[in-house]
């Protein structure tokens, strides 16, 4: 299954449901949703089946800017914590999680 993006507005904020595999190549589409709905935005990750490192870094950055991560799978939450503990390195020679 590839990425499926669905948006829902509850009168206060938009929840963007990200379902399936989410890879770096889909970040442009997700960033378009952020630009459209920020700052009243939440990501529902309950149906995310697989993410890559760039997506985890993106989600960590978005959460740091106030985007809520709903139904975030435990492995994604732990990976975000690991990336944050290492300062979200961009140099491939830095320690990886």
PDB file of N, CA and C in Angstrom:
ATOM      1  N   UNK A   1       0.842  -1.179   0.000  1.00  0.00           N
ATOM      2  CA  UNK A   1       0.000   0.000   0.000  1.00  0.00           C
ATOM      3  C   UNK A   1       0.885   1.240   0.000  1.00  0.00           C
ATOM      4  N   UNK A   2       0.563   2.166  -0.838  1.00  0.00           N
ATOM      5  CA  UNK A   2       1.293   3.419  -0.864  1.00  0.00           C
ATOM      6  C   UNK A   2       0.572   4.427   0.025  1.00  0.00           C
ATOM      7  N   UNK A   3       1.118   5.608   0.103  1.00  0.00           N
ATOM      8  CA  UNK A   3       0.570   6.641   0.974  1.00  0.00           C
ATOM      9  C   UNK A   3      -0.802   7.110   0.517  1.00  0.00           C
ATOM     10  N   UNK A   4      -1.691   7.231   1.489  1.00  0.00           N
ATOM     11  CA  UNK A   4      -3.009   7.817   1.268  1.00  0.00           C
ATOM     12  C   UNK A   4      -3.143   8.970   2.245  1.00  0.00           C
ATOM     13  N   UNK A   5      -3.556  10.139   1.740  1.00  0.00           N
ATOM     14  CA  UNK A   5      -3.708  11.334   2.565  1.00  0.00           C
ATOM     15  C   UNK A   5      -5.180  11.734   2.562  1.00  0.00           C
ATOM     16  N   UNK A   6      -5.754  11.856   3.759  1.00  0.00           N
ATOM     17  CA  UNK A   6      -7.137  12.306   3.909  1.00  0.00           C
ATOM     18  C   UNK A   6      -7.163  13.425   4.940  1.00  0.00           C
ATOM     19  N   UNK A   7      -7.947  14.460   4.675  1.00  0.00           N
ATOM     20  CA  UNK A   7      -8.049  15.590   5.593  1.00  0.00           C
ATOM     21  C   UNK A   7      -9.475  15.719   6.102  1.00  0.00           C
ATOM     22  N   UNK A   8      -9.599  16.080   7.374  1.00  0.00           N
ATOM     23  CA  UNK A   8     -10.907  16.315   7.981  1.00  0.00           C
ATOM     24  C   UNK A   8     -10.823  17.542   8.879  1.00  0.00           C
ATOM     25  N   UNK A   9     -11.818  18.418   8.778  1.00  0.00           N
ATOM     26  CA  UNK A   9     -11.878  19.643   9.584  1.00  0.00           C
ATOM     27  C   UNK A   9     -12.990  19.496  10.604  1.00  0.00           C
ATOM     28  N   UNK A  10     -12.685  19.731  11.882  1.00  0.00           N
ATOM     29  CA  UNK A  10     -13.682  19.588  12.942  1.00  0.00           C
ATOM     30  C   UNK A  10     -14.237  20.928  13.426  1.00  0.00           C
ATOM     31  N   UNK A  11     -13.964  21.988  12.699  1.00  0.00           N
ATOM     32  CA  UNK A  11     -14.413  23.317  13.102  1.00  0.00           C
ATOM     33  C   UNK A  11     -13.341  24.115  13.811  1.00  0.00           C
ATOM     34  N   UNK A  12     -12.323  23.420  14.316  1.00  0.00           N
ATOM     35  CA  UNK A  12     -11.227  24.077  15.016  1.00  0.00           C
ATOM     36  C   UNK A  12      -9.880  23.823  14.350  1.00  0.00           C
ATOM     37  N   UNK A  13      -9.673  22.584  13.933  1.00  0.00           N
ATOM     38  CA  UNK A  13      -8.384  22.199  13.360  1.00  0.00           C
ATOM     39  C   UNK A  13      -8.595  21.140  12.280  1.00  0.00           C
ATOM     40  N   UNK A  14      -7.572  20.951  11.483  1.00  0.00           N
ATOM     41  CA  UNK A  14      -7.591  19.930  10.439  1.00  0.00           C
ATOM     42  C   UNK A  14      -6.760  18.746  10.898  1.00  0.00           C
ATOM     43  N   UNK A  15      -7.317  17.564  10.751  1.00  0.00           N
ATOM     44  CA  UNK A  15      -6.572  16.343  11.009  1.00  0.00           C
ATOM     45  C   UNK A  15      -6.273  15.706   9.666  1.00  0.00           C
ATOM     46  N   UNK A  16      -4.991  15.477   9.419  1.00  0.00           N
ATOM     47  CA  UNK A  16      -4.549  14.836   8.190  1.00  0.00           C
ATOM     48  C   UNK A  16      -4.174  13.398   8.535  1.00  0.00           C
ATOM     49  N   UNK A  17      -4.939  12.462   7.987  1.00  0.00           N
ATOM     50  CA  UNK A  17      -4.680  11.036   8.220  1.00  0.00           C
ATOM     51  C   UNK A  17      -3.701  10.559   7.145  1.00  0.00           C
ATOM     52  N   UNK A  18      -2.580  10.006   7.612  1.00  0.00           N
ATOM     53  CA  UNK A  18      -1.561   9.463   6.721  1.00  0.00           C
ATOM     54  C   UNK A  18      -1.608   7.943   6.859  1.00  0.00           C
ATOM     55  N   UNK A  19      -1.974   7.249   5.796  1.00  0.00           N
ATOM     56  CA  UNK A  19      -2.138   5.805   5.821  1.00  0.00           C
ATOM     57  C   UNK A  19      -1.179   5.137   4.849  1.00  0.00           C
ATOM     58  N   UNK A  20      -0.645   3.984   5.265  1.00  0.00           N
ATOM     59  CA  UNK A  20       0.225   3.202   4.405  1.00  0.00           C
ATOM     60  C   UNK A  20       1.690   3.521   4.627  1.00  0.00           C
ATOM     61  N   UNK A  21       2.469   3.272   3.585  1.00  0.00           N
ATOM     62  CA  UNK A  21       3.912   3.535   3.639  1.00  0.00           C
ATOM     63  C   UNK A  21       4.181   5.000   3.335  1.00  0.00           C
ATOM     64  N   UNK A  22       5.012   5.600   4.177  1.00  0.00           N
ATOM     65  CA  UNK A  22       5.340   7.016   4.003  1.00  0.00           C
ATOM     66  C   UNK A  22       6.845   7.121   3.825  1.00  0.00           C
ATOM     67  N   UNK A  23       7.254   7.554   2.654  1.00  0.00           N
ATOM     68  CA  UNK A  23       8.666   7.686   2.362  1.00  0.00           C
ATOM     69  C   UNK A  23       9.041   9.116   2.036  1.00  0.00           C
ATOM     70  N   UNK A  24      10.328   9.347   1.950  1.00  0.00           N
ATOM     71  CA  UNK A  24      10.854  10.677   1.653  1.00  0.00           C
ATOM     72  C   UNK A  24      10.255  11.244   0.365  1.00  0.00           C
ATOM     73  N   UNK A  25       9.992  10.378  -0.600  1.00  0.00           N
ATOM     74  CA  UNK A  25       9.453  10.848  -1.874  1.00  0.00           C
ATOM     75  C   UNK A  25       8.025  11.390  -1.757  1.00  0.00           C
ATOM     76  N   UNK A  26       7.333  11.129  -0.636  1.00  0.00           N
ATOM     77  CA  UNK A  26       5.994  11.675  -0.435  1.00  0.00           C
ATOM     78  C   UNK A  26       5.989  12.928   0.429  1.00  0.00           C
ATOM     79  N   UNK A  27       7.139  13.359   0.900  1.00  0.00           N
ATOM     80  CA  UNK A  27       7.181  14.518   1.795  1.00  0.00           C
ATOM     81  C   UNK A  27       6.657  15.794   1.147  1.00  0.00           C
ATOM     82  N   UNK A  28       6.853  15.972  -0.147  1.00  0.00           N
ATOM     83  CA  UNK A  28       6.338  17.187  -0.799  1.00  0.00           C
ATOM     84  C   UNK A  28       4.824  17.282  -0.679  1.00  0.00           C
ATOM     85  N   UNK A  29       4.132  16.166  -0.871  1.00  0.00           N
ATOM     86  CA  UNK A  29       2.671  16.163  -0.742  1.00  0.00           C
ATOM     87  C   UNK A  29       2.253  16.456   0.694  1.00  0.00           C
ATOM     88  N   UNK A  30       2.965  15.909   1.657  1.00  0.00           N
ATOM     89  CA  UNK A  30       2.639  16.148   3.063  1.00  0.00           C
ATOM     90  C   UNK A  30       2.940  17.601   3.435  1.00  0.00           C
ATOM     91  N   UNK A  31       4.050  18.130   2.939  1.00  0.00           N
ATOM     92  CA  UNK A  31       4.398  19.520   3.222  1.00  0.00           C
ATOM     93  C   UNK A  31       3.363  20.475   2.631  1.00  0.00           C
ATOM     94  N   UNK A  32       2.758  20.109   1.514  1.00  0.00           N
ATOM     95  CA  UNK A  32       1.695  20.940   0.934  1.00  0.00           C
ATOM     96  C   UNK A  32       0.511  21.025   1.894  1.00  0.00           C
ATOM     97  N   UNK A  33       0.193  19.914   2.558  1.00  0.00           N
ATOM     98  CA  UNK A  33      -0.879  19.916   3.553  1.00  0.00           C
ATOM     99  C   UNK A  33      -0.509  20.804   4.741  1.00  0.00           C
ATOM    100  N   UNK A  34       0.739  20.758   5.156  1.00  0.00           N
ATOM    101  CA  UNK A  34       1.202  21.603   6.259  1.00  0.00           C
ATOM    102  C   UNK A  34       1.046  23.072   5.879  1.00  0.00           C
ATOM    103  N   UNK A  35       1.487  23.433   4.683  1.00  0.00           N
ATOM    104  CA  UNK A  35       1.371  24.832   4.248  1.00  0.00           C
ATOM    105  C   UNK A  35      -0.094  25.265   4.172  1.00  0.00           C
ATOM    106  N   UNK A  36      -0.954  24.366   3.773  1.00  0.00           N
ATOM    107  CA  UNK A  36      -2.370  24.687   3.614  1.00  0.00           C
ATOM    108  C   UNK A  36      -3.064  24.887   4.959  1.00  0.00           C
ATOM    109  N   UNK A  37      -2.733  24.084   5.958  1.00  0.00           N
ATOM    110  CA  UNK A  37      -3.509  24.067   7.193  1.00  0.00           C
ATOM    111  C   UNK A  37      -2.790  24.561   8.444  1.00  0.00           C
ATOM    112  N   UNK A  38      -1.497  24.737   8.417  1.00  0.00           N
ATOM    113  CA  UNK A  38      -0.749  25.159   9.606  1.00  0.00           C
ATOM    114  C   UNK A  38      -1.239  26.522  10.036  1.00  0.00           C
ATOM    115  N   UNK A  39      -1.426  26.855  11.274  1.00  0.00           N
ATOM    116  CA  UNK A  39      -0.987  26.169  12.473  1.00  0.00           C
ATOM    117  C   UNK A  39      -2.042  25.261  13.087  1.00  0.00           C
ATOM    118  N   UNK A  40      -3.232  25.184  12.525  1.00  0.00           N
ATOM    119  CA  UNK A  40      -4.300  24.354  13.109  1.00  0.00           C
ATOM    120  C   UNK A  40      -4.292  22.986  12.428  1.00  0.00           C
ATOM    121  N   UNK A  41      -3.296  22.170  12.796  1.00  0.00           N
ATOM    122  CA  UNK A  41      -3.080  20.914  12.091  1.00  0.00           C
ATOM    123  C   UNK A  41      -2.658  19.805  13.046  1.00  0.00           C
ATOM    124  N   UNK A  42      -3.147  18.604  12.770  1.00  0.00           N
ATOM    125  CA  UNK A  42      -2.698  17.404  13.478  1.00  0.00           C
ATOM    126  C   UNK A  42      -2.530  16.302  12.440  1.00  0.00           C
ATOM    127  N   UNK A  43      -1.567  15.424  12.664  1.00  0.00           N
ATOM    128  CA  UNK A  43      -1.395  14.239  11.822  1.00  0.00           C
ATOM    129  C   UNK A  43      -1.903  13.035  12.586  1.00  0.00           C
ATOM    130  N   UNK A  44      -2.764  12.242  11.960  1.00  0.00           N
ATOM    131  CA  UNK A  44      -3.192  10.977  12.526  1.00  0.00           C
ATOM    132  C   UNK A  44      -2.366   9.896  11.844  1.00  0.00           C
ATOM    133  N   UNK A  45      -1.550   9.206  12.622  1.00  0.00           N
ATOM    134  CA  UNK A  45      -0.626   8.207  12.083  1.00  0.00           C
ATOM    135  C   UNK A  45      -1.048   6.778  12.426  1.00  0.00           C
ATOM    136  N   UNK A  46      -2.278   6.601  12.871  1.00  0.00           N
ATOM    137  CA  UNK A  46      -2.747   5.299  13.294  1.00  0.00           C
ATOM    138  C   UNK A  46      -2.713   4.234  12.204  1.00  0.00           C
ATOM    139  N   UNK A  47      -2.738   4.643  10.947  1.00  0.00           N
ATOM    140  CA  UNK A  47      -2.722   3.689   9.841  1.00  0.00           C
ATOM    141  C   UNK A  47      -1.413   3.750   9.051  1.00  0.00           C
ATOM    142  N   UNK A  48      -0.407   4.409   9.613  1.00  0.00           N
ATOM    143  CA  UNK A  48       0.916   4.431   8.974  1.00  0.00           C
ATOM    144  C   UNK A  48       1.571   3.075   9.211  1.00  0.00           C
ATOM    145  N   UNK A  49       1.973   2.405   8.139  1.00  0.00           N
ATOM    146  CA  UNK A  49       2.534   1.066   8.280  1.00  0.00           C
ATOM    147  C   UNK A  49       4.054   1.041   8.254  1.00  0.00           C
ATOM    148  N   UNK A  50       4.654   2.003   7.570  1.00  0.00           N
ATOM    149  CA  UNK A  50       6.109   2.035   7.446  1.00  0.00           C
ATOM    150  C   UNK A  50       6.538   3.454   7.136  1.00  0.00           C
ATOM    151  N   UNK A  51       7.584   3.922   7.816  1.00  0.00           N
ATOM    152  CA  UNK A  51       8.133   5.252   7.546  1.00  0.00           C
ATOM    153  C   UNK A  51       9.641   5.134   7.405  1.00  0.00           C
ATOM    154  N   UNK A  52      10.234   6.119   6.729  1.00  0.00           N
ATOM    155  CA  UNK A  52      11.691   6.123   6.656  1.00  0.00           C
ATOM    156  C   UNK A  52      12.242   7.242   7.534  1.00  0.00           C
ATOM    157  N   UNK A  53      13.541   7.312   7.616  1.00  0.00           N
ATOM    158  CA  UNK A  53      14.196   8.240   8.540  1.00  0.00           C
ATOM    159  C   UNK A  53      13.867   9.706   8.246  1.00  0.00           C
ATOM    160  N   UNK A  54      13.815  10.077   6.987  1.00  0.00           N
ATOM    161  CA  UNK A  54      13.506  11.475   6.657  1.00  0.00           C
ATOM    162  C   UNK A  54      12.100  11.839   7.098  1.00  0.00           C
ATOM    163  N   UNK A  55      11.180  10.910   7.009  1.00  0.00           N
ATOM    164  CA  UNK A  55       9.809  11.153   7.472  1.00  0.00           C
ATOM    165  C   UNK A  55       9.794  11.321   8.983  1.00  0.00           C
ATOM    166  N   UNK A  56      10.534  10.489   9.704  1.00  0.00           N
ATOM    167  CA  UNK A  56      10.607  10.610  11.160  1.00  0.00           C
ATOM    168  C   UNK A  56      11.172  11.977  11.541  1.00  0.00           C
ATOM    169  N   UNK A  57      12.200  12.404  10.873  1.00  0.00           N
ATOM    170  CA  UNK A  57      12.770  13.730  11.154  1.00  0.00           C
ATOM    171  C   UNK A  57      11.761  14.835  10.862  1.00  0.00           C
ATOM    172  N   UNK A  58      11.050  14.705   9.758  1.00  0.00           N
ATOM    173  CA  UNK A  58      10.019  15.674   9.393  1.00  0.00           C
ATOM    174  C   UNK A  58       8.939  15.730  10.471  1.00  0.00           C
ATOM    175  N   UNK A  59       8.464  14.559  10.911  1.00  0.00           N
ATOM    176  CA  UNK A  59       7.429  14.520  11.946  1.00  0.00           C
ATOM    177  C   UNK A  59       7.924  15.132  13.247  1.00  0.00           C
ATOM    178  N   UNK A  60       9.168  14.877  13.608  1.00  0.00           N
ATOM    179  CA  UNK A  60       9.741  15.463  14.818  1.00  0.00           C
ATOM    180  C   UNK A  60       9.782  16.985  14.714  1.00  0.00           C
ATOM    181  N   UNK A  61      10.183  17.480  13.560  1.00  0.00           N
ATOM    182  CA  UNK A  61      10.235  18.930  13.356  1.00  0.00           C
ATOM    183  C   UNK A  61       8.839  19.538  13.422  1.00  0.00           C
ATOM    184  N   UNK A  62       7.876  18.876  12.793  1.00  0.00           N
ATOM    185  CA  UNK A  62       6.508  19.384  12.804  1.00  0.00           C
ATOM    186  C   UNK A  62       5.932  19.401  14.218  1.00  0.00           C
ATOM    187  N   UNK A  63       6.192  18.340  14.961  1.00  0.00           N
ATOM    188  CA  UNK A  63       5.712  18.293  16.342  1.00  0.00           C
ATOM    189  C   UNK A  63       6.344  19.412  17.159  1.00  0.00           C
ATOM    190  N   UNK A  64       7.609  19.699  16.914  1.00  0.00           N
ATOM    191  CA  UNK A  64       8.290  20.785  17.593  1.00  0.00           C
ATOM    192  C   UNK A  64       7.700  22.139  17.267  1.00  0.00           C
ATOM    193  N   UNK A  65       7.027  22.234  16.121  1.00  0.00           N
ATOM    194  CA  UNK A  65       6.386  23.489  15.707  1.00  0.00           C
ATOM    195  C   UNK A  65       4.904  23.525  16.068  1.00  0.00           C
ATOM    196  N   UNK A  66       4.457  22.544  16.855  1.00  0.00           N
ATOM    197  CA  UNK A  66       3.095  22.584  17.349  1.00  0.00           C
ATOM    198  C   UNK A  66       2.104  21.658  16.667  1.00  0.00           C
ATOM    199  N   UNK A  67       2.527  20.896  15.681  1.00  0.00           N
ATOM    200  CA  UNK A  67       1.632  19.941  15.031  1.00  0.00           C
ATOM    201  C   UNK A  67       1.490  18.726  15.940  1.00  0.00           C
ATOM    202  N   UNK A  68       0.257  18.335  16.214  1.00  0.00           N
ATOM    203  CA  UNK A  68       0.005  17.194  17.094  1.00  0.00           C
ATOM    204  C   UNK A  68       0.090  15.899  16.294  1.00  0.00           C
ATOM    205  N   UNK A  69       0.703  14.872  16.881  1.00  0.00           N
ATOM    206  CA  UNK A  69       0.782  13.552  16.268  1.00  0.00           C
ATOM    207  C   UNK A  69      -0.194  12.639  16.996  1.00  0.00           C
ATOM    208  N   UNK A  70      -1.301  12.302  16.341  1.00  0.00           N
ATOM    209  CA  UNK A  70      -2.346  11.485  16.935  1.00  0.00           C
ATOM    210  C   UNK A  70      -2.152  10.018  16.562  1.00  0.00           C
ATOM    211  N   UNK A  71      -2.507   9.126  17.461  1.00  0.00           N
ATOM    212  CA  UNK A  71      -2.420   7.681  17.220  1.00  0.00           C
ATOM    213  C   UNK A  71      -1.071   7.284  16.620  1.00  0.00           C
ATOM    214  N   UNK A  72      -0.026   7.898  17.134  1.00  0.00           N
ATOM    215  CA  UNK A  72       1.326   7.658  16.624  1.00  0.00           C
ATOM    216  C   UNK A  72       1.803   6.277  17.075  1.00  0.00           C
ATOM    217  N   UNK A  73       2.133   5.391  16.118  1.00  0.00           N
ATOM    218  CA  UNK A  73       2.632   4.068  16.504  1.00  0.00           C
ATOM    219  C   UNK A  73       3.861   4.175  17.407  1.00  0.00           C
ATOM    220  N   UNK A  74       3.963   3.234  18.310  1.00  0.00           N
ATOM    221  CA  UNK A  74       5.040   3.264  19.293  1.00  0.00           C
ATOM    222  C   UNK A  74       6.422   3.316  18.647  1.00  0.00           C
ATOM    223  N   UNK A  75       6.631   2.554  17.568  1.00  0.00           N
ATOM    224  CA  UNK A  75       7.965   2.547  16.956  1.00  0.00           C
ATOM    225  C   UNK A  75       8.317   3.909  16.368  1.00  0.00           C
ATOM    226  N   UNK A  76       7.320   4.639  15.862  1.00  0.00           N
ATOM    227  CA  UNK A  76       7.587   5.985  15.336  1.00  0.00           C
ATOM    228  C   UNK A  76       7.894   6.924  16.494  1.00  0.00           C
ATOM    229  N   UNK A  77       7.113   6.847  17.568  1.00  0.00           N
ATOM    230  CA  UNK A  77       7.333   7.700  18.740  1.00  0.00           C
ATOM    231  C   UNK A  77       8.733   7.466  19.306  1.00  0.00           C
ATOM    232  N   UNK A  78       9.141   6.194  19.422  1.00  0.00           N
ATOM    233  CA  UNK A  78      10.480   5.882  19.941  1.00  0.00           C
ATOM    234  C   UNK A  78      11.570   6.361  18.996  1.00  0.00           C
ATOM    235  N   UNK A  79      11.341   6.256  17.706  1.00  0.00           N
ATOM    236  CA  UNK A  79      12.329   6.700  16.726  1.00  0.00           C
ATOM    237  C   UNK A  79      12.473   8.218  16.790  1.00  0.00           C
ATOM    238  N   UNK A  80      11.354   8.931  16.928  1.00  0.00           N
ATOM    239  CA  UNK A  80      11.410  10.388  17.078  1.00  0.00           C
ATOM    240  C   UNK A  80      12.232  10.743  18.313  1.00  0.00           C
ATOM    241  N   UNK A  81      11.970  10.075  19.421  1.00  0.00           N
ATOM    242  CA  UNK A  81      12.723  10.343  20.656  1.00  0.00           C
ATOM    243  C   UNK A  81      14.210  10.088  20.449  1.00  0.00           C
ATOM    244  N   UNK A  82      14.539   9.019  19.746  1.00  0.00           N
ATOM    245  CA  UNK A  82      15.936   8.697  19.482  1.00  0.00           C
ATOM    246  C   UNK A  82      16.593   9.776  18.625  1.00  0.00           C
ATOM    247  N   UNK A  83      15.910  10.199  17.582  1.00  0.00           N
ATOM    248  CA  UNK A  83      16.444  11.253  16.709  1.00  0.00           C
ATOM    249  C   UNK A  83      16.652  12.543  17.495  1.00  0.00           C
ATOM    250  N   UNK A  84      15.700  12.879  18.349  1.00  0.00           N
ATOM    251  CA  UNK A  84      15.838  14.101  19.160  1.00  0.00           C
ATOM    252  C   UNK A  84      17.010  14.000  20.122  1.00  0.00           C
ATOM    253  N   UNK A  85      17.209  12.820  20.691  1.00  0.00           N
ATOM    254  CA  UNK A  85      18.301  12.653  21.645  1.00  0.00           C
ATOM    255  C   UNK A  85      19.660  12.782  20.972  1.00  0.00           C
ATOM    256  N   UNK A  86      19.686  12.568  19.676  1.00  0.00           N
ATOM    257  CA  UNK A  86      20.929  12.714  18.912  1.00  0.00           C
ATOM    258  C   UNK A  86      20.972  14.031  18.147  1.00  0.00           C
ATOM    259  N   UNK A  87      20.039  14.923  18.430  1.00  0.00           N
ATOM    260  CA  UNK A  87      20.058  16.247  17.823  1.00  0.00           C
ATOM    261  C   UNK A  87      19.675  16.263  16.359  1.00  0.00           C
ATOM    262  N   UNK A  88      18.909  15.285  15.884  1.00  0.00           N
ATOM    263  CA  UNK A  88      18.495  15.212  14.490  1.00  0.00           C
ATOM    264  C   UNK A  88      19.664  15.469  13.544  1.00  0.00           C
ATOM    265  N   UNK A  89      20.714  14.638  13.573  1.00  0.00           N
ATOM    266  CA  UNK A  89      21.895  14.870  12.749  1.00  0.00           C
ATOM    267  C   UNK A  89      21.578  14.844  11.263  1.00  0.00           C
ATOM    268  N   UNK A  90      22.237  15.728  10.528  1.00  0.00           N
ATOM    269  CA  UNK A  90      22.086  15.725   9.077  1.00  0.00           C
ATOM    270  C   UNK A  90      23.338  15.189   8.405  1.00  0.00           C
ATOM    271  N   UNK A  91      24.395  15.081   9.168  1.00  0.00           N
ATOM    272  CA  UNK A  91      25.648  14.540   8.648  1.00  0.00           C
ATOM    273  C   UNK A  91      25.590  13.024   8.736  1.00  0.00           C
ATOM    274  N   UNK A  92      25.731  12.301   7.606  1.00  0.00           N
ATOM    275  CA  UNK A  92      25.648  10.852   7.638  1.00  0.00           C
ATOM    276  C   UNK A  92      26.719  10.180   8.485  1.00  0.00           C
ATOM    277  N   UNK A  93      27.769  10.890   8.844  1.00  0.00           N
ATOM    278  CA  UNK A  93      28.836  10.313   9.661  1.00  0.00           C
ATOM    279  C   UNK A  93      28.483  10.352  11.153  1.00  0.00           C
ATOM    280  N   UNK A  94      27.427  11.135  11.522  1.00  0.00           N
ATOM    281  CA  UNK A  94      27.032  11.207  12.926  1.00  0.00           C
ATOM    282  C   UNK A  94      26.325   9.921  13.329  1.00  0.00           C
ATOM    283  N   UNK A  95      26.295   9.683  14.633  1.00  0.00           N
ATOM    284  CA  UNK A  95      25.691   8.463  15.161  1.00  0.00           C
ATOM    285  C   UNK A  95      24.217   8.372  14.760  1.00  0.00           C
ATOM    286  N   UNK A  96      23.808   7.177  14.351  1.00  0.00           N
ATOM    287  CA  UNK A  96      22.427   6.942  13.960  1.00  0.00           C
ATOM    288  C   UNK A  96      21.706   6.188  15.049  1.00  0.00           C
ATOM    289  N   UNK A  97      20.383   6.298  15.059  1.00  0.00           N
ATOM    290  CA  UNK A  97      19.550   5.578  16.030  1.00  0.00           C
ATOM    291  C   UNK A  97      19.412   4.135  15.613  1.00  0.00           C
TER     292      UNK A  97
END
